[in-house]
Amino acid sequence: AYITQYFDQVARVRGTSKEILDPFKD
């Protein structure tokens, strides 16, 4: 949950797509 919250913030601030972020997040 903590890590997902961080990546959700990255997506909001930078507009980075889930396709790019999800591999690193996972």
mmCIF file of all heavy atoms, coordinates in Angstrom:
data_MODEL
# 
_entry.id   MODEL 
# 
loop_
_atom_site.group_PDB 
_atom_site.id 
_atom_site.type_symbol 
_atom_site.label_atom_id 
_atom_site.label_alt_id 
_atom_site.label_comp_id 
_atom_site.label_asym_id 
_atom_site.label_entity_id 
_atom_site.label_seq_id 
_atom_site.pdbx_PDB_ins_code 
_atom_site.Cartn_x 
_atom_site.Cartn_y 
_atom_site.Cartn_z 
_atom_site.occupancy 
_atom_site.B_iso_or_equiv 
_atom_site.pdbx_formal_charge 
_atom_site.auth_seq_id 
_atom_site.auth_comp_id 
_atom_site.auth_asym_id 
_atom_site.auth_atom_id 
_atom_site.pdbx_PDB_model_num 
ATOM 1   N N   . ALA A 1 1  ? 0.825  -1.212 0.000   1.00 0.00 ? 1  ALA A N   1 
ATOM 2   C CA  . ALA A 1 1  ? 0.000  0.000  0.000   1.00 0.00 ? 1  ALA A CA  1 
ATOM 3   C C   . ALA A 1 1  ? 0.858  1.260  0.000   1.00 0.00 ? 1  ALA A C   1 
ATOM 4   O O   . ALA A 1 1  ? 0.562  2.232  -0.708  1.00 0.00 ? 1  ALA A O   1 
ATOM 5   C CB  . ALA A 1 1  ? -0.927 -0.008 1.218   1.00 0.00 ? 1  ALA A CB  1 
ATOM 6   N N   . TYR A 1 2  ? 1.938  1.245  0.790   1.00 0.00 ? 2  TYR A N   1 
ATOM 7   C CA  . TYR A 1 2  ? 2.828  2.411  0.866   1.00 0.00 ? 2  TYR A CA  1 
ATOM 8   C C   . TYR A 1 2  ? 3.492  2.659  -0.490  1.00 0.00 ? 2  TYR A C   1 
ATOM 9   O O   . TYR A 1 2  ? 3.535  3.794  -0.978  1.00 0.00 ? 2  TYR A O   1 
ATOM 10  C CB  . TYR A 1 2  ? 3.887  2.179  1.949   1.00 0.00 ? 2  TYR A CB  1 
ATOM 11  C CG  . TYR A 1 2  ? 4.791  3.377  2.176   1.00 0.00 ? 2  TYR A CG  1 
ATOM 12  C CD1 . TYR A 1 2  ? 4.522  4.299  3.174   1.00 0.00 ? 2  TYR A CD1 1 
ATOM 13  C CD2 . TYR A 1 2  ? 5.923  3.596  1.363   1.00 0.00 ? 2  TYR A CD2 1 
ATOM 14  C CE1 . TYR A 1 2  ? 5.341  5.397  3.380   1.00 0.00 ? 2  TYR A CE1 1 
ATOM 15  C CE2 . TYR A 1 2  ? 6.738  4.690  1.566   1.00 0.00 ? 2  TYR A CE2 1 
ATOM 16  C CZ  . TYR A 1 2  ? 6.448  5.588  2.572   1.00 0.00 ? 2  TYR A CZ  1 
ATOM 17  O OH  . TYR A 1 2  ? 7.242  6.685  2.753   1.00 0.00 ? 2  TYR A OH  1 
ATOM 18  N N   . ILE A 1 3  ? 4.005  1.605  -1.082  1.00 0.00 ? 3  ILE A N   1 
ATOM 19  C CA  . ILE A 1 3  ? 4.701  1.732  -2.367  1.00 0.00 ? 3  ILE A CA  1 
ATOM 20  C C   . ILE A 1 3  ? 3.737  2.151  -3.471  1.00 0.00 ? 3  ILE A C   1 
ATOM 21  O O   . ILE A 1 3  ? 4.055  3.011  -4.301  1.00 0.00 ? 3  ILE A O   1 
ATOM 22  C CB  . ILE A 1 3  ? 5.415  0.408  -2.713  1.00 0.00 ? 3  ILE A CB  1 
ATOM 23  C CG1 . ILE A 1 3  ? 6.537  0.142  -1.701  1.00 0.00 ? 3  ILE A CG1 1 
ATOM 24  C CG2 . ILE A 1 3  ? 5.978  0.443  -4.134  1.00 0.00 ? 3  ILE A CG2 1 
ATOM 25  C CD1 . ILE A 1 3  ? 7.130  -1.252 -1.784  1.00 0.00 ? 3  ILE A CD1 1 
ATOM 26  N N   . THR A 1 4  ? 2.547  1.587  -3.472  1.00 0.00 ? 4  THR A N   1 
ATOM 27  C CA  . THR A 1 4  ? 1.541  1.948  -4.485  1.00 0.00 ? 4  THR A CA  1 
ATOM 28  C C   . THR A 1 4  ? 1.160  3.410  -4.370  1.00 0.00 ? 4  THR A C   1 
ATOM 29  O O   . THR A 1 4  ? 1.004  4.114  -5.385  1.00 0.00 ? 4  THR A O   1 
ATOM 30  C CB  . THR A 1 4  ? 0.296  1.064  -4.329  1.00 0.00 ? 4  THR A CB  1 
ATOM 31  O OG1 . THR A 1 4  ? 0.666  -0.304 -4.545  1.00 0.00 ? 4  THR A OG1 1 
ATOM 32  C CG2 . THR A 1 4  ? -0.786 1.460  -5.327  1.00 0.00 ? 4  THR A CG2 1 
ATOM 33  N N   . GLN A 1 5  ? 1.032  3.898  -3.136  1.00 0.00 ? 5  GLN A N   1 
ATOM 34  C CA  . GLN A 1 5  ? 0.697  5.309  -2.924  1.00 0.00 ? 5  GLN A CA  1 
ATOM 35  C C   . GLN A 1 5  ? 1.755  6.218  -3.528  1.00 0.00 ? 5  GLN A C   1 
ATOM 36  O O   . GLN A 1 5  ? 1.435  7.260  -4.129  1.00 0.00 ? 5  GLN A O   1 
ATOM 37  C CB  . GLN A 1 5  ? 0.552  5.574  -1.426  1.00 0.00 ? 5  GLN A CB  1 
ATOM 38  C CG  . GLN A 1 5  ? 0.109  6.991  -1.075  1.00 0.00 ? 5  GLN A CG  1 
ATOM 39  C CD  . GLN A 1 5  ? -0.019 7.183  0.419   1.00 0.00 ? 5  GLN A CD  1 
ATOM 40  O OE1 . GLN A 1 5  ? 0.865  6.815  1.191   1.00 0.00 ? 5  GLN A OE1 1 
ATOM 41  N NE2 . GLN A 1 5  ? -1.132 7.742  0.848   1.00 0.00 ? 5  GLN A NE2 1 
ATOM 42  N N   . TYR A 1 6  ? 3.028  5.831  -3.369  1.00 0.00 ? 6  TYR A N   1 
ATOM 43  C CA  . TYR A 1 6  ? 4.108  6.633  -3.950  1.00 0.00 ? 6  TYR A CA  1 
ATOM 44  C C   . TYR A 1 6  ? 3.999  6.675  -5.472  1.00 0.00 ? 6  TYR A C   1 
ATOM 45  O O   . TYR A 1 6  ? 4.092  7.748  -6.081  1.00 0.00 ? 6  TYR A O   1 
ATOM 46  C CB  . TYR A 1 6  ? 5.472  6.069  -3.540  1.00 0.00 ? 6  TYR A CB  1 
ATOM 47  C CG  . TYR A 1 6  ? 6.613  6.623  -4.369  1.00 0.00 ? 6  TYR A CG  1 
ATOM 48  C CD1 . TYR A 1 6  ? 7.020  7.950  -4.223  1.00 0.00 ? 6  TYR A CD1 1 
ATOM 49  C CD2 . TYR A 1 6  ? 7.249  5.847  -5.331  1.00 0.00 ? 6  TYR A CD2 1 
ATOM 50  C CE1 . TYR A 1 6  ? 8.046  8.477  -4.997  1.00 0.00 ? 6  TYR A CE1 1 
ATOM 51  C CE2 . TYR A 1 6  ? 8.272  6.364  -6.107  1.00 0.00 ? 6  TYR A CE2 1 
ATOM 52  C CZ  . TYR A 1 6  ? 8.664  7.677  -5.943  1.00 0.00 ? 6  TYR A CZ  1 
ATOM 53  O OH  . TYR A 1 6  ? 9.665  8.196  -6.724  1.00 0.00 ? 6  TYR A OH  1 
ATOM 54  N N   . PHE A 1 7  ? 3.778  5.532  -6.097  1.00 0.00 ? 7  PHE A N   1 
ATOM 55  C CA  . PHE A 1 7  ? 3.711  5.499  -7.560  1.00 0.00 ? 7  PHE A CA  1 
ATOM 56  C C   . PHE A 1 7  ? 2.456  6.205  -8.086  1.00 0.00 ? 7  PHE A C   1 
ATOM 57  O O   . PHE A 1 7  ? 2.477  6.782  -9.181  1.00 0.00 ? 7  PHE A O   1 
ATOM 58  C CB  . PHE A 1 7  ? 3.811  4.066  -8.068  1.00 0.00 ? 7  PHE A CB  1 
ATOM 59  C CG  . PHE A 1 7  ? 5.224  3.565  -8.119  1.00 0.00 ? 7  PHE A CG  1 
ATOM 60  C CD1 . PHE A 1 7  ? 5.781  2.906  -7.044  1.00 0.00 ? 7  PHE A CD1 1 
ATOM 61  C CD2 . PHE A 1 7  ? 6.011  3.789  -9.247  1.00 0.00 ? 7  PHE A CD2 1 
ATOM 62  C CE1 . PHE A 1 7  ? 7.098  2.469  -7.072  1.00 0.00 ? 7  PHE A CE1 1 
ATOM 63  C CE2 . PHE A 1 7  ? 7.326  3.363  -9.293  1.00 0.00 ? 7  PHE A CE2 1 
ATOM 64  C CZ  . PHE A 1 7  ? 7.876  2.691  -8.201  1.00 0.00 ? 7  PHE A CZ  1 
ATOM 65  N N   . ASP A 1 8  ? 1.390  6.181  -7.318  1.00 0.00 ? 8  ASP A N   1 
ATOM 66  C CA  . ASP A 1 8  ? 0.196  6.948  -7.702  1.00 0.00 ? 8  ASP A CA  1 
ATOM 67  C C   . ASP A 1 8  ? 0.515  8.440  -7.722  1.00 0.00 ? 8  ASP A C   1 
ATOM 68  O O   . ASP A 1 8  ? 0.045  9.183  -8.603  1.00 0.00 ? 8  ASP A O   1 
ATOM 69  C CB  . ASP A 1 8  ? -0.948 6.680  -6.725  1.00 0.00 ? 8  ASP A CB  1 
ATOM 70  C CG  . ASP A 1 8  ? -1.557 5.293  -6.892  1.00 0.00 ? 8  ASP A CG  1 
ATOM 71  O OD1 . ASP A 1 8  ? -1.289 4.643  -7.934  1.00 0.00 ? 8  ASP A OD1 1 
ATOM 72  O OD2 . ASP A 1 8  ? -2.298 4.862  -5.982  1.00 0.00 ? 8  ASP A OD2 1 
ATOM 73  N N   . GLN A 1 9  ? 1.325  8.870  -6.780  1.00 0.00 ? 9  GLN A N   1 
ATOM 74  C CA  . GLN A 1 9  ? 1.720  10.284 -6.736  1.00 0.00 ? 9  GLN A CA  1 
ATOM 75  C C   . GLN A 1 9  ? 2.614  10.636 -7.922  1.00 0.00 ? 9  GLN A C   1 
ATOM 76  O O   . GLN A 1 9  ? 2.484  11.715 -8.518  1.00 0.00 ? 9  GLN A O   1 
ATOM 77  C CB  . GLN A 1 9  ? 2.428  10.599 -5.422  1.00 0.00 ? 9  GLN A CB  1 
ATOM 78  C CG  . GLN A 1 9  ? 2.764  12.088 -5.265  1.00 0.00 ? 9  GLN A CG  1 
ATOM 79  C CD  . GLN A 1 9  ? 3.450  12.388 -3.946  1.00 0.00 ? 9  GLN A CD  1 
ATOM 80  O OE1 . GLN A 1 9  ? 3.896  11.481 -3.250  1.00 0.00 ? 9  GLN A OE1 1 
ATOM 81  N NE2 . GLN A 1 9  ? 3.535  13.656 -3.600  1.00 0.00 ? 9  GLN A NE2 1 
ATOM 82  N N   . VAL A 1 10 ? 3.535  9.737  -8.256  1.00 0.00 ? 10 VAL A N   1 
ATOM 83  C CA  . VAL A 1 10 ? 4.387  9.963  -9.428  1.00 0.00 ? 10 VAL A CA  1 
ATOM 84  C C   . VAL A 1 10 ? 3.524  10.148 -10.671 1.00 0.00 ? 10 VAL A C   1 
ATOM 85  O O   . VAL A 1 10 ? 3.759  11.049 -11.487 1.00 0.00 ? 10 VAL A O   1 
ATOM 86  C CB  . VAL A 1 10 ? 5.361  8.781  -9.638  1.00 0.00 ? 10 VAL A CB  1 
ATOM 87  C CG1 . VAL A 1 10 ? 6.121  8.955  -10.953 1.00 0.00 ? 10 VAL A CG1 1 
ATOM 88  C CG2 . VAL A 1 10 ? 6.355  8.692  -8.476  1.00 0.00 ? 10 VAL A CG2 1 
ATOM 89  N N   . ALA A 1 11 ? 2.512  9.291  -10.814 1.00 0.00 ? 11 ALA A N   1 
ATOM 90  C CA  . ALA A 1 11 ? 1.625  9.376  -11.987 1.00 0.00 ? 11 ALA A CA  1 
ATOM 91  C C   . ALA A 1 11 ? 0.888  10.704 -12.013 1.00 0.00 ? 11 ALA A C   1 
ATOM 92  O O   . ALA A 1 11 ? 0.740  11.321 -13.079 1.00 0.00 ? 11 ALA A O   1 
ATOM 93  C CB  . ALA A 1 11 ? 0.640  8.212  -11.962 1.00 0.00 ? 11 ALA A CB  1 
ATOM 94  N N   . ARG A 1 12 ? 0.424  11.182 -10.852 1.00 0.00 ? 12 ARG A N   1 
ATOM 95  C CA  . ARG A 1 12 ? -0.296 12.452 -10.789 1.00 0.00 ? 12 ARG A CA  1 
ATOM 96  C C   . ARG A 1 12 ? 0.608  13.634 -11.107 1.00 0.00 ? 12 ARG A C   1 
ATOM 97  O O   . ARG A 1 12 ? 0.237  14.536 -11.861 1.00 0.00 ? 12 ARG A O   1 
ATOM 98  C CB  . ARG A 1 12 ? -0.915 12.645 -9.395  1.00 0.00 ? 12 ARG A CB  1 
ATOM 99  C CG  . ARG A 1 12 ? -2.126 11.791 -9.100  1.00 0.00 ? 12 ARG A CG  1 
ATOM 100 C CD  . ARG A 1 12 ? -2.855 12.296 -7.859  1.00 0.00 ? 12 ARG A CD  1 
ATOM 101 N NE  . ARG A 1 12 ? -1.990 12.332 -6.691  1.00 0.00 ? 12 ARG A NE  1 
ATOM 102 C CZ  . ARG A 1 12 ? -1.817 11.315 -5.860  1.00 0.00 ? 12 ARG A CZ  1 
ATOM 103 N NH1 . ARG A 1 12 ? -2.425 10.163 -6.088  1.00 0.00 ? 12 ARG A NH1 1 
ATOM 104 N NH2 . ARG A 1 12 ? -1.023 11.429 -4.806  1.00 0.00 ? 12 ARG A NH2 1 
ATOM 105 N N   . VAL A 1 13 ? 1.801  13.630 -10.520 1.00 0.00 ? 13 VAL A N   1 
ATOM 106 C CA  . VAL A 1 13 ? 2.693  14.788 -10.650 1.00 0.00 ? 13 VAL A CA  1 
ATOM 107 C C   . VAL A 1 13 ? 3.338  14.850 -12.037 1.00 0.00 ? 13 VAL A C   1 
ATOM 108 O O   . VAL A 1 13 ? 3.432  15.924 -12.646 1.00 0.00 ? 13 VAL A O   1 
ATOM 109 C CB  . VAL A 1 13 ? 3.783  14.751 -9.560  1.00 0.00 ? 13 VAL A CB  1 
ATOM 110 C CG1 . VAL A 1 13 ? 4.831  15.837 -9.794  1.00 0.00 ? 13 VAL A CG1 1 
ATOM 111 C CG2 . VAL A 1 13 ? 3.156  14.912 -8.173  1.00 0.00 ? 13 VAL A CG2 1 
ATOM 112 N N   . ARG A 1 14 ? 3.761  13.700 -12.539 1.00 0.00 ? 14 ARG A N   1 
ATOM 113 C CA  . ARG A 1 14 ? 4.501  13.671 -13.797 1.00 0.00 ? 14 ARG A CA  1 
ATOM 114 C C   . ARG A 1 14 ? 3.667  13.255 -15.004 1.00 0.00 ? 14 ARG A C   1 
ATOM 115 O O   . ARG A 1 14 ? 4.111  13.400 -16.142 1.00 0.00 ? 14 ARG A O   1 
ATOM 116 C CB  . ARG A 1 14 ? 5.701  12.734 -13.674 1.00 0.00 ? 14 ARG A CB  1 
ATOM 117 C CG  . ARG A 1 14 ? 6.744  13.203 -12.674 1.00 0.00 ? 14 ARG A CG  1 
ATOM 118 C CD  . ARG A 1 14 ? 7.885  12.216 -12.573 1.00 0.00 ? 14 ARG A CD  1 
ATOM 119 N NE  . ARG A 1 14 ? 8.943  12.685 -11.680 1.00 0.00 ? 14 ARG A NE  1 
ATOM 120 C CZ  . ARG A 1 14 ? 9.958  11.957 -11.267 1.00 0.00 ? 14 ARG A CZ  1 
ATOM 121 N NH1 . ARG A 1 14 ? 10.064 10.683 -11.668 1.00 0.00 ? 14 ARG A NH1 1 
ATOM 122 N NH2 . ARG A 1 14 ? 10.872 12.460 -10.466 1.00 0.00 ? 14 ARG A NH2 1 
ATOM 123 N N   . GLY A 1 15 ? 2.502  12.686 -14.749 1.00 0.00 ? 15 GLY A N   1 
ATOM 124 C CA  . GLY A 1 15 ? 1.677  12.204 -15.843 1.00 0.00 ? 15 GLY A CA  1 
ATOM 125 C C   . GLY A 1 15 ? 2.237  10.963 -16.512 1.00 0.00 ? 15 GLY A C   1 
ATOM 126 O O   . GLY A 1 15 ? 1.913  10.678 -17.670 1.00 0.00 ? 15 GLY A O   1 
ATOM 127 N N   . THR A 1 16 ? 3.090  10.230 -15.786 1.00 0.00 ? 16 THR A N   1 
ATOM 128 C CA  . THR A 1 16 ? 3.694  9.015  -16.333 1.00 0.00 ? 16 THR A CA  1 
ATOM 129 C C   . THR A 1 16 ? 2.656  7.894  -16.384 1.00 0.00 ? 16 THR A C   1 
ATOM 130 O O   . THR A 1 16 ? 1.871  7.724  -15.445 1.00 0.00 ? 16 THR A O   1 
ATOM 131 C CB  . THR A 1 16 ? 4.888  8.564  -15.478 1.00 0.00 ? 16 THR A CB  1 
ATOM 132 O OG1 . THR A 1 16 ? 5.750  9.686  -15.264 1.00 0.00 ? 16 THR A OG1 1 
ATOM 133 C CG2 . THR A 1 16 ? 5.661  7.455  -16.171 1.00 0.00 ? 16 THR A CG2 1 
ATOM 134 N N   . SER A 1 17 ? 2.647  7.139  -17.446 1.00 0.00 ? 17 SER A N   1 
ATOM 135 C CA  . SER A 1 17 ? 1.638  6.093  -17.625 1.00 0.00 ? 17 SER A CA  1 
ATOM 136 C C   . SER A 1 17 ? 1.911  4.885  -16.723 1.00 0.00 ? 17 SER A C   1 
ATOM 137 O O   . SER A 1 17 ? 3.047  4.625  -16.322 1.00 0.00 ? 17 SER A O   1 
ATOM 138 C CB  . SER A 1 17 ? 1.610  5.629  -19.078 1.00 0.00 ? 17 SER A CB  1 
ATOM 139 O OG  . SER A 1 17 ? 2.790  4.922  -19.392 1.00 0.00 ? 17 SER A OG  1 
ATOM 140 N N   . LYS A 1 18 ? 0.841  4.127  -16.443 1.00 0.00 ? 18 LYS A N   1 
ATOM 141 C CA  . LYS A 1 18 ? 0.957  2.907  -15.649 1.00 0.00 ? 18 LYS A CA  1 
ATOM 142 C C   . LYS A 1 18 ? 1.849  1.888  -16.349 1.00 0.00 ? 18 LYS A C   1 
ATOM 143 O O   . LYS A 1 18 ? 2.550  1.115  -15.692 1.00 0.00 ? 18 LYS A O   1 
ATOM 144 C CB  . LYS A 1 18 ? -0.430 2.312  -15.401 1.00 0.00 ? 18 LYS A CB  1 
ATOM 145 C CG  . LYS A 1 18 ? -1.244 3.052  -14.368 1.00 0.00 ? 18 LYS A CG  1 
ATOM 146 C CD  . LYS A 1 18 ? -2.653 2.504  -14.282 1.00 0.00 ? 18 LYS A CD  1 
ATOM 147 C CE  . LYS A 1 18 ? -2.680 1.034  -13.891 1.00 0.00 ? 18 LYS A CE  1 
ATOM 148 N NZ  . LYS A 1 18 ? -2.231 0.836  -12.496 1.00 0.00 ? 18 LYS A NZ  1 
ATOM 149 N N   . GLU A 1 19 ? 1.815  1.884  -17.667 1.00 0.00 ? 19 GLU A N   1 
ATOM 150 C CA  . GLU A 1 19 ? 2.620  0.917  -18.417 1.00 0.00 ? 19 GLU A CA  1 
ATOM 151 C C   . GLU A 1 19 ? 4.111  1.102  -18.129 1.00 0.00 ? 19 GLU A C   1 
ATOM 152 O O   . GLU A 1 19 ? 4.872  0.130  -18.102 1.00 0.00 ? 19 GLU A O   1 
ATOM 153 C CB  . GLU A 1 19 ? 2.363  1.064  -19.916 1.00 0.00 ? 19 GLU A CB  1 
ATOM 154 C CG  . GLU A 1 19 ? 0.998  0.560  -20.379 1.00 0.00 ? 19 GLU A CG  1 
ATOM 155 C CD  . GLU A 1 19 ? -0.136 1.500  -20.006 1.00 0.00 ? 19 GLU A CD  1 
ATOM 156 O OE1 . GLU A 1 19 ? 0.142  2.702  -19.730 1.00 0.00 ? 19 GLU A OE1 1 
ATOM 157 O OE2 . GLU A 1 19 ? -1.294 1.040  -19.966 1.00 0.00 ? 19 GLU A OE2 1 
ATOM 158 N N   . ILE A 1 20 ? 4.507  2.336  -17.912 1.00 0.00 ? 20 ILE A N   1 
ATOM 159 C CA  . ILE A 1 20 ? 5.910  2.629  -17.606 1.00 0.00 ? 20 ILE A CA  1 
ATOM 160 C C   . ILE A 1 20 ? 6.213  2.389  -16.121 1.00 0.00 ? 20 ILE A C   1 
ATOM 161 O O   . ILE A 1 20 ? 7.254  1.843  -15.762 1.00 0.00 ? 20 ILE A O   1 
ATOM 162 C CB  . ILE A 1 20 ? 6.256  4.084  -18.003 1.00 0.00 ? 20 ILE A CB  1 
ATOM 163 C CG1 . ILE A 1 20 ? 6.206  4.232  -19.526 1.00 0.00 ? 20 ILE A CG1 1 
ATOM 164 C CG2 . ILE A 1 20 ? 7.627  4.484  -17.468 1.00 0.00 ? 20 ILE A CG2 1 
ATOM 165 C CD1 . ILE A 1 20 ? 6.375  5.648  -20.014 1.00 0.00 ? 20 ILE A CD1 1 
ATOM 166 N N   . LEU A 1 21 ? 5.284  2.791  -15.253 1.00 0.00 ? 21 LEU A N   1 
ATOM 167 C CA  . LEU A 1 21 ? 5.534  2.738  -13.816 1.00 0.00 ? 21 LEU A CA  1 
ATOM 168 C C   . LEU A 1 21 ? 5.353  1.354  -13.209 1.00 0.00 ? 21 LEU A C   1 
ATOM 169 O O   . LEU A 1 21 ? 6.073  0.980  -12.280 1.00 0.00 ? 21 LEU A O   1 
ATOM 170 C CB  . LEU A 1 21 ? 4.607  3.720  -13.084 1.00 0.00 ? 21 LEU A CB  1 
ATOM 171 C CG  . LEU A 1 21 ? 4.842  5.214  -13.322 1.00 0.00 ? 21 LEU A CG  1 
ATOM 172 C CD1 . LEU A 1 21 ? 3.787  6.031  -12.602 1.00 0.00 ? 21 LEU A CD1 1 
ATOM 173 C CD2 . LEU A 1 21 ? 6.231  5.623  -12.856 1.00 0.00 ? 21 LEU A CD2 1 
ATOM 174 N N   . ASP A 1 22 ? 4.399  0.600  -13.708 1.00 0.00 ? 22 ASP A N   1 
ATOM 175 C CA  . ASP A 1 22 ? 4.041  -0.667 -13.055 1.00 0.00 ? 22 ASP A CA  1 
ATOM 176 C C   . ASP A 1 22 ? 5.179  -1.678 -12.929 1.00 0.00 ? 22 ASP A C   1 
ATOM 177 O O   . ASP A 1 22 ? 5.305  -2.326 -11.874 1.00 0.00 ? 22 ASP A O   1 
ATOM 178 C CB  . ASP A 1 22 ? 2.844  -1.307 -13.757 1.00 0.00 ? 22 ASP A CB  1 
ATOM 179 C CG  . ASP A 1 22 ? 1.526  -0.667 -13.328 1.00 0.00 ? 22 ASP A CG  1 
ATOM 180 O OD1 . ASP A 1 22 ? 1.548  0.193  -12.419 1.00 0.00 ? 22 ASP A OD1 1 
ATOM 181 O OD2 . ASP A 1 22 ? 0.478  -1.024 -13.910 1.00 0.00 ? 22 ASP A OD2 1 
ATOM 182 N N   . PRO A 1 23 ? 6.024  -1.848 -13.944 1.00 0.00 ? 23 PRO A N   1 
ATOM 183 C CA  . PRO A 1 23 ? 7.112  -2.824 -13.768 1.00 0.00 ? 23 PRO A CA  1 
ATOM 184 C C   . PRO A 1 23 ? 8.038  -2.479 -12.597 1.00 0.00 ? 23 PRO A C   1 
ATOM 185 O O   . PRO A 1 23 ? 8.433  -3.371 -11.834 1.00 0.00 ? 23 PRO A O   1 
ATOM 186 C CB  . PRO A 1 23 ? 7.848  -2.768 -15.111 1.00 0.00 ? 23 PRO A CB  1 
ATOM 187 C CG  . PRO A 1 23 ? 6.809  -2.319 -16.082 1.00 0.00 ? 23 PRO A CG  1 
ATOM 188 C CD  . PRO A 1 23 ? 5.965  -1.342 -15.318 1.00 0.00 ? 23 PRO A CD  1 
ATOM 189 N N   . PHE A 1 24 ? 8.388  -1.203 -12.470 1.00 0.00 ? 24 PHE A N   1 
ATOM 190 C CA  . PHE A 1 24 ? 9.252  -0.785 -11.361 1.00 0.00 ? 24 PHE A CA  1 
ATOM 191 C C   . PHE A 1 24 ? 8.514  -0.928 -10.037 1.00 0.00 ? 24 PHE A C   1 
ATOM 192 O O   . PHE A 1 24 ? 9.054  -1.420 -9.049  1.00 0.00 ? 24 PHE A O   1 
ATOM 193 C CB  . PHE A 1 24 ? 9.715  0.652  -11.584 1.00 0.00 ? 24 PHE A CB  1 
ATOM 194 C CG  . PHE A 1 24 ? 10.713 1.156  -10.570 1.00 0.00 ? 24 PHE A CG  1 
ATOM 195 C CD1 . PHE A 1 24 ? 11.590 0.295  -9.931  1.00 0.00 ? 24 PHE A CD1 1 
ATOM 196 C CD2 . PHE A 1 24 ? 10.779 2.507  -10.265 1.00 0.00 ? 24 PHE A CD2 1 
ATOM 197 C CE1 . PHE A 1 24 ? 12.520 0.748  -9.002  1.00 0.00 ? 24 PHE A CE1 1 
ATOM 198 C CE2 . PHE A 1 24 ? 11.694 2.978  -9.338  1.00 0.00 ? 24 PHE A CE2 1 
ATOM 199 C CZ  . PHE A 1 24 ? 12.557 2.095  -8.695  1.00 0.00 ? 24 PHE A CZ  1 
ATOM 200 N N   . LYS A 1 25 ? 7.245  -0.493 -10.022 1.00 0.00 ? 25 LYS A N   1 
ATOM 201 C CA  . LYS A 1 25 ? 6.440  -0.610 -8.805  1.00 0.00 ? 25 LYS A CA  1 
ATOM 202 C C   . LYS A 1 25 ? 6.352  -2.067 -8.354  1.00 0.00 ? 25 LYS A C   1 
ATOM 203 O O   . LYS A 1 25 ? 6.577  -2.375 -7.175  1.00 0.00 ? 25 LYS A O   1 
ATOM 204 C CB  . LYS A 1 25 ? 5.036  -0.057 -9.046  1.00 0.00 ? 25 LYS A CB  1 
ATOM 205 C CG  . LYS A 1 25 ? 4.129  -0.158 -7.822  1.00 0.00 ? 25 LYS A CG  1 
ATOM 206 C CD  . LYS A 1 25 ? 2.692  0.228  -8.148  1.00 0.00 ? 25 LYS A CD  1 
ATOM 207 C CE  . LYS A 1 25 ? 2.001  -0.889 -8.934  1.00 0.00 ? 25 LYS A CE  1 
ATOM 208 N NZ  . LYS A 1 25 ? 0.561  -0.618 -9.118  1.00 0.00 ? 25 LYS A NZ  1 
ATOM 209 N N   . ASP A 1 26 ? 6.040  -2.947 -9.276  1.00 0.00 ? 26 ASP A N   1 
ATOM 210 C CA  . ASP A 1 26 ? 5.883  -4.361 -8.931  1.00 0.00 ? 26 ASP A CA  1 
ATOM 211 C C   . ASP A 1 26 ? 7.190  -4.969 -8.426  1.00 0.00 ? 26 ASP A C   1 
ATOM 212 O O   . ASP A 1 26 ? 7.183  -5.802 -7.504  1.00 0.00 ? 26 ASP A O   1 
ATOM 213 C CB  . ASP A 1 26 ? 5.373  -5.146 -10.144 1.00 0.00 ? 26 ASP A CB  1 
ATOM 214 C CG  . ASP A 1 26 ? 3.947  -4.756 -10.537 1.00 0.00 ? 26 ASP A CG  1 
ATOM 215 O OD1 . ASP A 1 26 ? 3.244  -4.154 -9.699  1.00 0.00 ? 26 ASP A OD1 1 
ATOM 216 O OD2 . ASP A 1 26 ? 3.551  -5.042 -11.686 1.00 0.00 ? 26 ASP A OD2 1 
# 
